[in-house]
Amino acid sequence: MTPWRTKTLMAFTILLAMVAAMLVTRQVGAQKQQDPKPSSYTSVIEEPFDVVRTRDKAAKAGVMTAHQNLLEERYDLTRHVDESVRMTRASPSR
């Protein structure tokens, strides 16, 4: 390559890098100026611990009953043991 061609390519590369940097900074500036998207997070409402604890204790029995009903509806929790199955030393399986 000739020195003139090398200098021209170097100048073109520098010019291209400057244009790219300018476009990137302009795009970042445009994004900052736009209205931010509304947050999907809800605000945190602080309640005293005693209030939350009292409410949770009052609801515990209902929650436990609902959960137990759900388990019984989904799964067969009855014992199904084959009497012929034995563990080590011929003890019956539990």
PDB file of N, CA and C in Angstrom:
ATOM      1  N   MET A   1       0.835  -1.181   0.000  1.00  0.00           N
ATOM      2  CA  MET A   1       0.000   0.000   0.000  1.00  0.00           C
ATOM      3  C   MET A   1       0.878   1.242   0.000  1.00  0.00           C
ATOM      4  N   THR A   2       0.370   2.218  -0.654  1.00  0.00           N
ATOM      5  CA  THR A   2       1.103   3.477  -0.722  1.00  0.00           C
ATOM      6  C   THR A   2       0.807   4.289   0.531  1.00  0.00           C
ATOM      7  N   PRO A   3       1.714   5.164   0.922  1.00  0.00           N
ATOM      8  CA  PRO A   3       1.479   5.984   2.116  1.00  0.00           C
ATOM      9  C   PRO A   3       0.220   6.841   1.995  1.00  0.00           C
ATOM     10  N   TRP A   4      -0.041   7.327   0.778  1.00  0.00           N
ATOM     11  CA  TRP A   4      -1.244   8.151   0.588  1.00  0.00           C
ATOM     12  C   TRP A   4      -2.506   7.329   0.839  1.00  0.00           C
ATOM     13  N   ARG A   5      -2.539   6.112   0.354  1.00  0.00           N
ATOM     14  CA  ARG A   5      -3.703   5.240   0.536  1.00  0.00           C
ATOM     15  C   ARG A   5      -3.874   4.870   2.011  1.00  0.00           C
ATOM     16  N   THR A   6      -2.783   4.605   2.696  1.00  0.00           N
ATOM     17  CA  THR A   6      -2.831   4.288   4.120  1.00  0.00           C
ATOM     18  C   THR A   6      -3.397   5.458   4.910  1.00  0.00           C
ATOM     19  N   LYS A   7      -2.945   6.666   4.631  1.00  0.00           N
ATOM     20  CA  LYS A   7      -3.441   7.858   5.323  1.00  0.00           C
ATOM     21  C   LYS A   7      -4.926   8.066   5.034  1.00  0.00           C
ATOM     22  N   THR A   8      -5.329   7.835   3.793  1.00  0.00           N
ATOM     23  CA  THR A   8      -6.737   8.015   3.429  1.00  0.00           C
ATOM     24  C   THR A   8      -7.620   7.002   4.158  1.00  0.00           C
ATOM     25  N   LEU A   9      -7.207   5.754   4.191  1.00  0.00           N
ATOM     26  CA  LEU A   9      -7.978   4.727   4.904  1.00  0.00           C
ATOM     27  C   LEU A   9      -8.049   5.022   6.402  1.00  0.00           C
ATOM     28  N   MET A  10      -6.948   5.492   6.969  1.00  0.00           N
ATOM     29  CA  MET A  10      -6.920   5.823   8.395  1.00  0.00           C
ATOM     30  C   MET A  10      -7.859   6.988   8.681  1.00  0.00           C
ATOM     31  N   ALA A  11      -7.849   8.005   7.825  1.00  0.00           N
ATOM     32  CA  ALA A  11      -8.731   9.157   8.011  1.00  0.00           C
ATOM     33  C   ALA A  11     -10.196   8.738   7.875  1.00  0.00           C
ATOM     34  N   PHE A  12     -10.479   7.882   6.892  1.00  0.00           N
ATOM     35  CA  PHE A  12     -11.843   7.397   6.703  1.00  0.00           C
ATOM     36  C   PHE A  12     -12.301   6.580   7.904  1.00  0.00           C
ATOM     37  N   THR A  13     -11.428   5.731   8.462  1.00  0.00           N
ATOM     38  CA  THR A  13     -11.758   4.923   9.638  1.00  0.00           C
ATOM     39  C   THR A  13     -12.055   5.809  10.836  1.00  0.00           C
ATOM     40  N   ILE A  14     -11.238   6.824  11.048  1.00  0.00           N
ATOM     41  CA  ILE A  14     -11.458   7.746  12.165  1.00  0.00           C
ATOM     42  C   ILE A  14     -12.763   8.505  11.984  1.00  0.00           C
ATOM     43  N   LEU A  15     -13.031   8.967  10.762  1.00  0.00           N
ATOM     44  CA  LEU A  15     -14.270   9.681  10.476  1.00  0.00           C
ATOM     45  C   LEU A  15     -15.482   8.776  10.719  1.00  0.00           C
ATOM     46  N   LEU A  16     -15.403   7.525  10.280  1.00  0.00           N
ATOM     47  CA  LEU A  16     -16.488   6.575  10.483  1.00  0.00           C
ATOM     48  C   LEU A  16     -16.715   6.300  11.974  1.00  0.00           C
ATOM     49  N   ALA A  17     -15.651   6.186  12.742  1.00  0.00           N
ATOM     50  CA  ALA A  17     -15.767   5.967  14.185  1.00  0.00           C
ATOM     51  C   ALA A  17     -16.409   7.170  14.860  1.00  0.00           C
ATOM     52  N   MET A  18     -16.066   8.378  14.427  1.00  0.00           N
ATOM     53  CA  MET A  18     -16.662   9.584  15.015  1.00  0.00           C
ATOM     54  C   MET A  18     -18.151   9.668  14.703  1.00  0.00           C
ATOM     55  N   VAL A  19     -18.534   9.337  13.477  1.00  0.00           N
ATOM     56  CA  VAL A  19     -19.953   9.361  13.109  1.00  0.00           C
ATOM     57  C   VAL A  19     -20.725   8.326  13.923  1.00  0.00           C
ATOM     58  N   ALA A  20     -20.152   7.139  14.079  1.00  0.00           N
ATOM     59  CA  ALA A  20     -20.811   6.096  14.865  1.00  0.00           C
ATOM     60  C   ALA A  20     -20.977   6.536  16.315  1.00  0.00           C
ATOM     61  N   ALA A  21     -19.938   7.144  16.889  1.00  0.00           N
ATOM     62  CA  ALA A  21     -20.022   7.618  18.269  1.00  0.00           C
ATOM     63  C   ALA A  21     -21.082   8.704  18.407  1.00  0.00           C
ATOM     64  N   MET A  22     -21.156   9.592  17.422  1.00  0.00           N
ATOM     65  CA  MET A  22     -22.153  10.655  17.465  1.00  0.00           C
ATOM     66  C   MET A  22     -23.568  10.069  17.398  1.00  0.00           C
ATOM     67  N   LEU A  23     -23.779   9.082  16.541  1.00  0.00           N
ATOM     68  CA  LEU A  23     -25.103   8.464  16.428  1.00  0.00           C
ATOM     69  C   LEU A  23     -25.497   7.747  17.720  1.00  0.00           C
ATOM     70  N   VAL A  24     -24.548   7.085  18.324  1.00  0.00           N
ATOM     71  CA  VAL A  24     -24.834   6.370  19.578  1.00  0.00           C
ATOM     72  C   VAL A  24     -25.196   7.355  20.673  1.00  0.00           C
ATOM     73  N   THR A  25     -24.432   8.421  20.823  1.00  0.00           N
ATOM     74  CA  THR A  25     -24.734   9.397  21.877  1.00  0.00           C
ATOM     75  C   THR A  25     -26.056  10.102  21.615  1.00  0.00           C
ATOM     76  N   ARG A  26     -26.368  10.362  20.365  1.00  0.00           N
ATOM     77  CA  ARG A  26     -27.647  10.993  20.039  1.00  0.00           C
ATOM     78  C   ARG A  26     -28.811  10.060  20.390  1.00  0.00           C
ATOM     79  N   GLN A  27     -28.652   8.759  20.113  1.00  0.00           N
ATOM     80  CA  GLN A  27     -29.697   7.782  20.424  1.00  0.00           C
ATOM     81  C   GLN A  27     -29.893   7.653  21.932  1.00  0.00           C
ATOM     82  N   VAL A  28     -28.807   7.652  22.685  1.00  0.00           N
ATOM     83  CA  VAL A  28     -28.917   7.565  24.143  1.00  0.00           C
ATOM     84  C   VAL A  28     -29.615   8.799  24.689  1.00  0.00           C
ATOM     85  N   GLY A  29     -29.279   9.960  24.152  1.00  0.00           N
ATOM     86  CA  GLY A  29     -29.931  11.196  24.590  1.00  0.00           C
ATOM     87  C   GLY A  29     -31.414  11.188  24.273  1.00  0.00           C
ATOM     88  N   ALA A  30     -31.784  10.651  23.116  1.00  0.00           N
ATOM     89  CA  ALA A  30     -33.199  10.588  22.735  1.00  0.00           C
ATOM     90  C   ALA A  30     -33.962   9.635  23.652  1.00  0.00           C
ATOM     91  N   GLN A  31     -33.332   8.549  24.057  1.00  0.00           N
ATOM     92  CA  GLN A  31     -33.988   7.604  24.960  1.00  0.00           C
ATOM     93  C   GLN A  31     -34.197   8.228  26.336  1.00  0.00           C
ATOM     94  N   LYS A  32     -33.258   9.033  26.780  1.00  0.00           N
ATOM     95  CA  LYS A  32     -33.394   9.667  28.090  1.00  0.00           C
ATOM     96  C   LYS A  32     -34.499  10.719  28.090  1.00  0.00           C
ATOM     97  N   GLN A  33     -34.736  11.359  26.967  1.00  0.00           N
ATOM     98  CA  GLN A  33     -35.743  12.404  26.884  1.00  0.00           C
ATOM     99  C   GLN A  33     -37.155  11.841  26.814  1.00  0.00           C
ATOM    100  N   GLN A  34     -37.313  10.606  26.351  1.00  0.00           N
ATOM    101  CA  GLN A  34     -38.641  10.018  26.260  1.00  0.00           C
ATOM    102  C   GLN A  34     -39.185   9.773  27.657  1.00  0.00           C
ATOM    103  N   ASP A  35     -40.514   9.748  27.754  1.00  0.00           N
ATOM    104  CA  ASP A  35     -41.135   9.453  29.043  1.00  0.00           C
ATOM    105  C   ASP A  35     -40.794   8.024  29.437  1.00  0.00           C
ATOM    106  N   PRO A  36     -40.392   7.827  30.671  1.00  0.00           N
ATOM    107  CA  PRO A  36     -40.088   6.455  31.084  1.00  0.00           C
ATOM    108  C   PRO A  36     -41.365   5.623  31.123  1.00  0.00           C
ATOM    109  N   LYS A  37     -41.216   4.338  30.875  1.00  0.00           N
ATOM    110  CA  LYS A  37     -42.368   3.445  30.924  1.00  0.00           C
ATOM    111  C   LYS A  37     -42.870   3.381  32.358  1.00  0.00           C
ATOM    112  N   PRO A  38     -44.173   3.287  32.528  1.00  0.00           N
ATOM    113  CA  PRO A  38     -44.679   3.164  33.896  1.00  0.00           C
ATOM    114  C   PRO A  38     -44.207   1.855  34.517  1.00  0.00           C
ATOM    115  N   SER A  39     -43.907   1.910  35.767  1.00  0.00           N
ATOM    116  CA  SER A  39     -43.400   0.740  36.466  1.00  0.00           C
ATOM    117  C   SER A  39     -44.509  -0.273  36.701  1.00  0.00           C
ATOM    118  N   SER A  40     -44.158  -1.538  36.627  1.00  0.00           N
ATOM    119  CA  SER A  40     -45.133  -2.592  36.897  1.00  0.00           C
ATOM    120  C   SER A  40     -45.163  -2.943  38.382  1.00  0.00           C
ATOM    121  N   TYR A  41     -44.291  -2.355  39.164  1.00  0.00           N
ATOM    122  CA  TYR A  41     -44.256  -2.631  40.596  1.00  0.00           C
ATOM    123  C   TYR A  41     -45.300  -1.779  41.315  1.00  0.00           C
ATOM    124  N   THR A  42     -45.971  -2.386  42.254  1.00  0.00           N
ATOM    125  CA  THR A  42     -46.919  -1.622  43.050  1.00  0.00           C
ATOM    126  C   THR A  42     -46.185  -1.024  44.237  1.00  0.00           C
ATOM    127  N   SER A  43     -46.740   0.004  44.762  1.00  0.00           N
ATOM    128  CA  SER A  43     -46.080   0.634  45.899  1.00  0.00           C
ATOM    129  C   SER A  43     -46.218  -0.260  47.127  1.00  0.00           C
ATOM    130  N   VAL A  44     -45.254  -0.161  47.996  1.00  0.00           N
ATOM    131  CA  VAL A  44     -45.253  -0.968  49.209  1.00  0.00           C
ATOM    132  C   VAL A  44     -46.026  -0.211  50.278  1.00  0.00           C
ATOM    133  N   ILE A  45     -47.018  -0.871  50.822  1.00  0.00           N
ATOM    134  CA  ILE A  45     -47.801  -0.254  51.887  1.00  0.00           C
ATOM    135  C   ILE A  45     -47.304  -0.840  53.197  1.00  0.00           C
ATOM    136  N   GLU A  46     -46.747   0.004  54.000  1.00  0.00           N
ATOM    137  CA  GLU A  46     -46.203  -0.447  55.271  1.00  0.00           C
ATOM    138  C   GLU A  46     -47.320  -0.525  56.300  1.00  0.00           C
ATOM    139  N   GLU A  47     -47.445  -1.691  56.913  1.00  0.00           N
ATOM    140  CA  GLU A  47     -48.401  -1.866  58.002  1.00  0.00           C
ATOM    141  C   GLU A  47     -47.625  -2.285  59.230  1.00  0.00           C
ATOM    142  N   PRO A  48     -48.113  -1.943  60.375  1.00  0.00           N
ATOM    143  CA  PRO A  48     -47.442  -2.400  61.593  1.00  0.00           C
ATOM    144  C   PRO A  48     -47.446  -3.926  61.654  1.00  0.00           C
ATOM    145  N   PHE A  49     -46.377  -4.488  62.178  1.00  0.00           N
ATOM    146  CA  PHE A  49     -46.223  -5.936  62.244  1.00  0.00           C
ATOM    147  C   PHE A  49     -47.358  -6.584  63.024  1.00  0.00           C
ATOM    148  N   ASP A  50     -47.763  -5.984  64.119  1.00  0.00           N
ATOM    149  CA  ASP A  50     -48.816  -6.574  64.952  1.00  0.00           C
ATOM    150  C   ASP A  50     -50.132  -6.696  64.186  1.00  0.00           C
ATOM    151  N   VAL A  51     -50.429  -5.736  63.331  1.00  0.00           N
ATOM    152  CA  VAL A  51     -51.665  -5.774  62.548  1.00  0.00           C
ATOM    153  C   VAL A  51     -51.617  -6.937  61.560  1.00  0.00           C
ATOM    154  N   VAL A  52     -50.483  -7.074  60.871  1.00  0.00           N
ATOM    155  CA  VAL A  52     -50.333  -8.155  59.893  1.00  0.00           C
ATOM    156  C   VAL A  52     -50.378  -9.506  60.594  1.00  0.00           C
ATOM    157  N   ARG A  53     -49.700  -9.625  61.721  1.00  0.00           N
ATOM    158  CA  ARG A  53     -49.660 -10.894  62.456  1.00  0.00           C
ATOM    159  C   ARG A  53     -51.047 -11.285  62.942  1.00  0.00           C
ATOM    160  N   THR A  54     -51.790 -10.345  63.473  1.00  0.00           N
ATOM    161  CA  THR A  54     -53.136 -10.630  63.960  1.00  0.00           C
ATOM    162  C   THR A  54     -54.037 -11.084  62.806  1.00  0.00           C
ATOM    163  N   ARG A  55     -53.943 -10.405  61.683  1.00  0.00           N
ATOM    164  CA  ARG A  55     -54.760 -10.776  60.519  1.00  0.00           C
ATOM    165  C   ARG A  55     -54.386 -12.167  60.000  1.00  0.00           C
ATOM    166  N   ASP A  56     -53.083 -12.467  59.951  1.00  0.00           N
ATOM    167  CA  ASP A  56     -52.645 -13.777  59.469  1.00  0.00           C
ATOM    168  C   ASP A  56     -53.043 -14.895  60.434  1.00  0.00           C
ATOM    169  N   LYS A  57     -52.956 -14.638  61.723  1.00  0.00           N
ATOM    170  CA  LYS A  57     -53.366 -15.650  62.699  1.00  0.00           C
ATOM    171  C   LYS A  57     -54.856 -15.947  62.588  1.00  0.00           C
ATOM    172  N   ALA A  58     -55.661 -14.916  62.349  1.00  0.00           N
ATOM    173  CA  ALA A  58     -57.105 -15.115  62.225  1.00  0.00           C
ATOM    174  C   ALA A  58     -57.439 -15.911  60.962  1.00  0.00           C
ATOM    175  N   ALA A  59     -56.648 -15.759  59.911  1.00  0.00           N
ATOM    176  CA  ALA A  59     -56.925 -16.438  58.647  1.00  0.00           C
ATOM    177  C   ALA A  59     -56.286 -17.817  58.547  1.00  0.00           C
ATOM    178  N   LYS A  60     -55.452 -18.198  59.509  1.00  0.00           N
ATOM    179  CA  LYS A  60     -54.684 -19.434  59.406  1.00  0.00           C
ATOM    180  C   LYS A  60     -55.566 -20.670  59.297  1.00  0.00           C
ATOM    181  N   ALA A  61     -56.577 -20.777  60.121  1.00  0.00           N
ATOM    182  CA  ALA A  61     -57.424 -21.976  60.112  1.00  0.00           C
ATOM    183  C   ALA A  61     -58.108 -22.141  58.750  1.00  0.00           C
ATOM    184  N   GLY A  62     -58.611 -21.073  58.187  1.00  0.00           N
ATOM    185  CA  GLY A  62     -59.261 -21.143  56.879  1.00  0.00           C
ATOM    186  C   GLY A  62     -58.297 -21.523  55.774  1.00  0.00           C
ATOM    187  N   VAL A  63     -57.096 -20.992  55.834  1.00  0.00           N
ATOM    188  CA  VAL A  63     -56.088 -21.303  54.825  1.00  0.00           C
ATOM    189  C   VAL A  63     -55.675 -22.767  54.922  1.00  0.00           C
ATOM    190  N   MET A  64     -55.470 -23.254  56.132  1.00  0.00           N
ATOM    191  CA  MET A  64     -55.076 -24.651  56.328  1.00  0.00           C
ATOM    192  C   MET A  64     -56.175 -25.598  55.854  1.00  0.00           C
ATOM    193  N   THR A  65     -57.430 -25.281  56.143  1.00  0.00           N
ATOM    194  CA  THR A  65     -58.544 -26.112  55.708  1.00  0.00           C
ATOM    195  C   THR A  65     -58.633 -26.135  54.183  1.00  0.00           C
ATOM    196  N   ALA A  66     -58.509 -24.982  53.563  1.00  0.00           N
ATOM    197  CA  ALA A  66     -58.569 -24.906  52.098  1.00  0.00           C
ATOM    198  C   ALA A  66     -57.437 -25.703  51.467  1.00  0.00           C
ATOM    199  N   HIS A  67     -56.244 -25.622  52.054  1.00  0.00           N
ATOM    200  CA  HIS A  67     -55.106 -26.355  51.515  1.00  0.00           C
ATOM    201  C   HIS A  67     -55.292 -27.863  51.681  1.00  0.00           C
ATOM    202  N   GLN A  68     -55.782 -28.284  52.828  1.00  0.00           N
ATOM    203  CA  GLN A  68     -56.019 -29.712  53.056  1.00  0.00           C
ATOM    204  C   GLN A  68     -57.084 -30.234  52.092  1.00  0.00           C
ATOM    205  N   ASN A  69     -58.126 -29.455  51.861  1.00  0.00           N
ATOM    206  CA  ASN A  69     -59.164 -29.862  50.902  1.00  0.00           C
ATOM    207  C   ASN A  69     -58.588 -29.991  49.491  1.00  0.00           C
ATOM    208  N   LEU A  70     -57.708 -29.088  49.135  1.00  0.00           N
ATOM    209  CA  LEU A  70     -57.070 -29.150  47.828  1.00  0.00           C
ATOM    210  C   LEU A  70     -56.212 -30.403  47.698  1.00  0.00           C
ATOM    211  N   LEU A  71     -55.448 -30.721  48.739  1.00  0.00           N
ATOM    212  CA  LEU A  71     -54.621 -31.935  48.715  1.00  0.00           C
ATOM    213  C   LEU A  71     -55.486 -33.182  48.586  1.00  0.00           C
ATOM    214  N   GLU A  72     -56.564 -33.243  49.352  1.00  0.00           N
ATOM    215  CA  GLU A  72     -57.441 -34.411  49.309  1.00  0.00           C
ATOM    216  C   GLU A  72     -58.134 -34.535  47.949  1.00  0.00           C
ATOM    217  N   GLU A  73     -58.423 -33.409  47.329  1.00  0.00           N
ATOM    218  CA  GLU A  73     -59.062 -33.427  46.014  1.00  0.00           C
ATOM    219  C   GLU A  73     -58.092 -33.917  44.930  1.00  0.00           C
ATOM    220  N   ARG A  74     -56.851 -33.519  45.043  1.00  0.00           N
ATOM    221  CA  ARG A  74     -55.872 -33.851  44.008  1.00  0.00           C
ATOM    222  C   ARG A  74     -55.257 -35.229  44.183  1.00  0.00           C
ATOM    223  N   TYR A  75     -55.032 -35.644  45.410  1.00  0.00           N
ATOM    224  CA  TYR A  75     -54.252 -36.858  45.658  1.00  0.00           C
ATOM    225  C   TYR A  75     -55.041 -37.839  46.509  1.00  0.00           C
ATOM    226  N   ASP A  76     -54.765 -39.122  46.263  1.00  0.00           N
ATOM    227  CA  ASP A  76     -55.331 -40.186  47.085  1.00  0.00           C
ATOM    228  C   ASP A  76     -54.348 -40.436  48.218  1.00  0.00           C
ATOM    229  N   LEU A  77     -54.692 -39.993  49.411  1.00  0.00           N
ATOM    230  CA  LEU A  77     -53.775 -40.080  50.541  1.00  0.00           C
ATOM    231  C   LEU A  77     -54.024 -41.308  51.416  1.00  0.00           C
ATOM    232  N   THR A  78     -54.872 -42.213  50.944  1.00  0.00           N
ATOM    233  CA  THR A  78     -55.127 -43.422  51.737  1.00  0.00           C
ATOM    234  C   THR A  78     -53.955 -44.381  51.621  1.00  0.00           C
ATOM    235  N   ARG A  79     -53.821 -45.247  52.604  1.00  0.00           N
ATOM    236  CA  ARG A  79     -52.690 -46.168  52.666  1.00  0.00           C
ATOM    237  C   ARG A  79     -52.993 -47.378  51.793  1.00  0.00           C
ATOM    238  N   HIS A  80     -52.092 -47.682  50.885  1.00  0.00           N
ATOM    239  CA  HIS A  80     -52.213 -48.848  50.018  1.00  0.00           C
ATOM    240  C   HIS A  80     -50.957 -49.691  50.192  1.00  0.00           C
ATOM    241  N   VAL A  81     -51.023 -50.709  51.036  1.00  0.00           N
ATOM    242  CA  VAL A  81     -49.865 -51.551  51.304  1.00  0.00           C
ATOM    243  C   VAL A  81     -50.215 -52.987  50.933  1.00  0.00           C
ATOM    244  N   ASP A  82     -49.327 -53.605  50.183  1.00  0.00           N
ATOM    245  CA  ASP A  82     -49.491 -55.010  49.845  1.00  0.00           C
ATOM    246  C   ASP A  82     -48.948 -55.826  51.017  1.00  0.00           C
ATOM    247  N   GLU A  83     -49.774 -56.685  51.589  1.00  0.00           N
ATOM    248  CA  GLU A  83     -49.371 -57.451  52.773  1.00  0.00           C
ATOM    249  C   GLU A  83     -48.276 -58.462  52.464  1.00  0.00           C
ATOM    250  N   SER A  84     -48.096 -58.815  51.188  1.00  0.00           N
ATOM    251  CA  SER A  84     -47.058 -59.791  50.845  1.00  0.00           C
ATOM    252  C   SER A  84     -45.677 -59.153  50.726  1.00  0.00           C
ATOM    253  N   VAL A  85     -45.594 -57.846  50.688  1.00  0.00           N
ATOM    254  CA  VAL A  85     -44.303 -57.159  50.570  1.00  0.00           C
ATOM    255  C   VAL A  85     -43.645 -57.103  51.939  1.00  0.00           C
ATOM    256  N   ARG A  86     -42.377 -57.510  51.986  1.00  0.00           N
ATOM    257  CA  ARG A  86     -41.629 -57.522  53.238  1.00  0.00           C
ATOM    258  C   ARG A  86     -40.331 -56.753  53.089  1.00  0.00           C
ATOM    259  N   MET A  87     -39.901 -56.149  54.191  1.00  0.00           N
ATOM    260  CA  MET A  87     -38.610 -55.461  54.217  1.00  0.00           C
ATOM    261  C   MET A  87     -37.568 -56.443  54.717  1.00  0.00           C
ATOM    262  N   THR A  88     -36.380 -55.926  55.019  1.00  0.00           N
ATOM    263  CA  THR A  88     -35.311 -56.759  55.536  1.00  0.00           C
ATOM    264  C   THR A  88     -35.745 -57.469  56.814  1.00  0.00           C
ATOM    265  N   ARG A  89     -35.301 -58.691  57.008  1.00  0.00           N
ATOM    266  CA  ARG A  89     -35.618 -59.524  58.178  1.00  0.00           C
ATOM    267  C   ARG A  89     -37.118 -59.828  58.243  1.00  0.00           C
ATOM    268  N   ALA A  90     -37.760 -59.842  57.129  1.00  0.00           N
ATOM    269  CA  ALA A  90     -39.159 -60.247  56.999  1.00  0.00           C
ATOM    270  C   ALA A  90     -40.131 -59.396  57.780  1.00  0.00           C
ATOM    271  N   SER A  91     -39.758 -58.153  58.079  1.00  0.00           N
ATOM    272  CA  SER A  91     -40.704 -57.277  58.756  1.00  0.00           C
ATOM    273  C   SER A  91     -41.632 -56.673  57.709  1.00  0.00           C
ATOM    274  N   PRO A  92     -42.904 -56.445  58.056  1.00  0.00           N
ATOM    275  CA  PRO A  92     -43.842 -55.907  57.072  1.00  0.00           C
ATOM    276  C   PRO A  92     -43.500 -54.473  56.710  1.00  0.00           C
ATOM    277  N   SER A  93     -43.811 -54.098  55.480  1.00  0.00           N
ATOM    278  CA  SER A  93     -43.538 -52.716  55.073  1.00  0.00           C
ATOM    279  C   SER A  93     -44.522 -51.804  55.783  1.00  0.00           C
ATOM    280  N   ARG A  94     -44.128 -50.604  55.980  1.00  0.00           N
ATOM    281  CA  ARG A  94     -44.949 -49.698  56.772  1.00  0.00           C
ATOM    282  C   ARG A  94     -45.910 -48.954  55.940  1.00  0.00           C
TER     283      ARG A  94
END
